[in-house]
Amino acid sequence: LLQGVERSSGSSGWLADLYVDSARKGTLYDAMWNYEATLKETNDKLKQMGDEPLYALYPADGVAIGDSPLGFIDHGRGADVEKFFTDLLTYLQSDAVRKRIADTGRRLPLGV
């Protein structure tokens, strides 16, 4: 599957920007292996340019999850920093904010 890879990247955003910039210049790659959310953002840009969107393919087996949890590490900065974090977490997990996130086309975390 990956033997035809022409480019690789350590950054999902850099790779998406490369794809869009190349399309803008008339060079179209056959595919881009990236996060679903990055694919959605890339497709938004491609549609604005009048180009064909990419399609998400999901492997039948293996792991296809990019888990990036949000966590707090106490570095002795005080209770106010921890309270800010817990308030932020409560805000992000509220129904209204979860709906706004989902309305952008992003998925909510598994099991939430």
Protein backbone atom coordinates (compact mmCIF):
# COMPACT_ATOMS: atom_id res chain seq x y z
CA LEU A 1 0.00 0.00 0.00
CA LEU A 2 2.68 2.52 0.95
CA GLN A 3 5.37 1.61 -1.60
CA GLY A 4 4.29 4.53 -3.80
CA VAL A 5 4.85 7.15 -1.08
CA GLU A 6 6.61 10.20 -2.48
CA ARG A 7 6.59 12.46 0.57
CA SER A 8 6.45 12.00 4.29
CA SER A 9 6.23 14.35 7.22
CA GLY A 10 6.49 14.48 10.98
CA SER A 11 3.62 16.97 11.07
CA SER A 12 0.06 16.36 9.95
CA GLY A 13 -0.45 20.08 9.32
CA TRP A 14 2.73 20.41 7.25
CA LEU A 15 1.69 17.47 5.10
CA ALA A 16 -1.80 18.90 4.57
CA ASP A 17 -0.33 22.30 3.66
CA LEU A 18 2.02 20.61 1.19
CA TYR A 19 -0.92 18.81 -0.42
CA VAL A 20 -3.00 22.01 -0.74
CA ASP A 21 -0.05 24.13 -1.93
CA SER A 22 0.88 21.49 -4.51
CA ALA A 23 -2.74 21.32 -5.73
CA ARG A 24 -2.78 25.11 -6.00
CA LYS A 25 0.31 24.89 -8.23
CA GLY A 26 -1.23 22.14 -10.37
CA THR A 27 0.55 19.13 -8.88
CA LEU A 28 -1.91 16.59 -7.50
CA TYR A 29 -0.78 13.70 -5.35
CA ASP A 30 -2.82 10.50 -5.52
CA ALA A 31 -3.46 10.40 -1.78
CA MET A 32 -2.59 11.74 1.65
CA TRP A 33 -2.31 9.59 4.79
CA ASN A 34 -3.41 11.81 7.66
CA TYR A 35 -5.79 12.32 10.58
CA GLU A 36 -9.50 12.45 9.79
CA ALA A 37 -9.80 16.00 11.18
CA THR A 38 -6.86 17.16 9.05
CA LEU A 39 -8.44 15.52 6.01
CA LYS A 40 -11.66 17.45 6.69
CA GLU A 41 -9.76 20.75 6.94
CA THR A 42 -7.82 19.92 3.76
CA ASN A 43 -11.05 19.15 1.93
CA ASP A 44 -12.52 22.49 3.03
CA LYS A 45 -9.54 24.23 1.38
CA LEU A 46 -9.67 22.05 -1.75
CA LYS A 47 -13.39 22.77 -2.20
CA GLN A 48 -12.73 26.53 -1.92
CA MET A 49 -10.17 26.13 -4.70
CA GLY A 50 -12.65 24.16 -6.83
CA ASP A 51 -10.59 20.96 -6.57
CA GLU A 52 -11.89 17.46 -5.92
CA PRO A 53 -11.94 16.47 -2.25
CA LEU A 54 -10.06 13.53 -0.80
CA TYR A 55 -11.92 10.50 0.53
CA ALA A 56 -11.35 8.86 3.89
CA LEU A 57 -10.48 5.18 3.81
CA TYR A 58 -10.60 3.14 6.97
CA PRO A 59 -8.49 -0.02 7.36
CA ALA A 60 -10.44 -3.23 7.96
CA ASP A 61 -7.94 -4.27 10.62
CA GLY A 62 -5.23 -2.69 12.70
CA VAL A 63 -5.31 0.46 14.77
CA ALA A 64 -6.72 3.61 13.22
CA ILE A 65 -6.93 5.91 16.24
CA GLY A 66 -4.90 9.05 16.89
CA ASP A 67 -5.50 9.54 20.60
CA SER A 68 -4.31 12.86 22.03
CA PRO A 69 -5.65 13.13 25.58
CA LEU A 70 -5.76 16.38 27.51
CA GLY A 71 -4.18 16.09 30.94
CA PHE A 72 -2.89 18.21 33.79
CA ILE A 73 0.60 17.89 35.26
CA ASP A 74 1.22 19.77 38.47
CA HIS A 75 4.50 21.67 38.21
CA GLY A 76 3.92 23.54 41.46
CA ARG A 77 2.33 26.54 39.76
CA GLY A 78 -0.47 26.77 42.28
CA ALA A 79 -4.09 25.86 42.77
CA ASP A 80 -5.26 28.61 40.41
CA VAL A 81 -3.56 26.88 37.44
CA GLU A 82 -5.15 23.55 38.32
CA LYS A 83 -8.54 25.25 38.72
CA PHE A 84 -8.12 26.86 35.29
CA PHE A 85 -7.45 23.41 33.83
CA THR A 86 -10.45 21.76 35.50
CA ASP A 87 -12.69 24.67 34.45
CA LEU A 88 -11.42 24.34 30.87
CA LEU A 89 -12.07 20.60 30.91
CA THR A 90 -15.60 21.15 32.25
CA TYR A 91 -16.22 23.74 29.53
CA LEU A 92 -14.92 21.49 26.73
CA GLN A 93 -17.05 18.58 27.96
CA SER A 94 -20.25 20.64 28.14
CA ASP A 95 -23.04 19.67 25.74
CA ALA A 96 -23.02 23.09 24.05
CA VAL A 97 -19.29 23.03 23.28
CA ARG A 98 -19.35 19.36 22.23
CA LYS A 99 -22.12 20.27 19.77
CA ARG A 100 -20.06 23.18 18.40
CA ILE A 101 -17.06 20.87 17.96
CA ALA A 102 -19.18 18.24 16.21
CA ASP A 103 -20.76 20.93 13.97
CA THR A 104 -17.29 21.74 12.59
CA GLY A 105 -17.07 18.19 11.24
CA ARG A 106 -14.73 16.92 13.92
CA ARG A 107 -15.47 13.73 15.79
CA LEU A 108 -15.79 13.61 19.52
CA PRO A 109 -13.52 11.24 21.46
CA LEU A 110 -14.36 7.55 21.54
CA GLY A 111 -16.61 6.56 24.39
CA VAL A 112 -17.77 10.11 25.09
